[in-house]
């Protein structure tokens, strides 16, 4: 049975994965985050199939971008574990107009005993709901590691009876006002390993800048090919014509070499030269 604890996504591939097969309302992955649009009168959300178990499981996420009121009176983001019964769920709701964070266990889409606290973008950046040993916990965290419990509740019977039939729904809604969006990240993971930010020489598909000494020996026409940016010293032995063909900046020791009327072109060995037989 797949526990919701095993649902992991940091959204860094910018492609909605198969775990979110019931998503709706024009959601997308942008910049390594799950983006949920808020368009007046439209529900939108990242939703899994109803194939998960919440009993003895936990699920957490990072609420990165909050929706704004934008002229609406009912503007919310919702993070809910959903039962097989419509309107029965438990989780968090952020209310943009009042700035309150609501912890609820809904039946028929409502919880008379829900707990509300003023939302803090620092202290409540991470949200977690979990069930263990007959109790449901709502927790918040500033860093995804140190958690503070905000509400507890005896586990509703549907949680333990709904094996492999629950879903996770991350949804948002506004009844009116300016279109905007909310973003979440890091479902059940602290890792952003696929994001690469760097400065310096080189790219992810090439070698970095280097300084190298190279030797080429051939009969006939000899060619040295390289894509390394380098200051190079090279010796060419040939009975025909030697040439250097390179995309890099190269400096030959002793200046240019005219090989039109000689068999060998060599100079005195030094510690910075790269030489071949017979000098080795």
Foldseek 3Di string as FASTA:
>chain_A
DAALLPDWAQLCVFQQDLQQVPWDDDWTRDPSWTKAKADAPDKGWRKGAQFHAQAQHKKKWFFDFDDACQVFDFKKKWKWKAFLDPFFIWGWIQGRVVQKIWGAGTDNVDHPPIDIDRDDCQFARMWMWHHYDQKIWTWGGRQVPDIDTDDMDGDDPRNVVSHRGIMIITMIYTNDHDMDITIMGTISHPDPPVDDDDDDADDPVDDGADEDEDEDEDEDEDEDEDAHAYAYEYFYAYPYDYDYDYPYDYDYPPHDDDPPPDRGDDDDDDPVHDDDPPVD
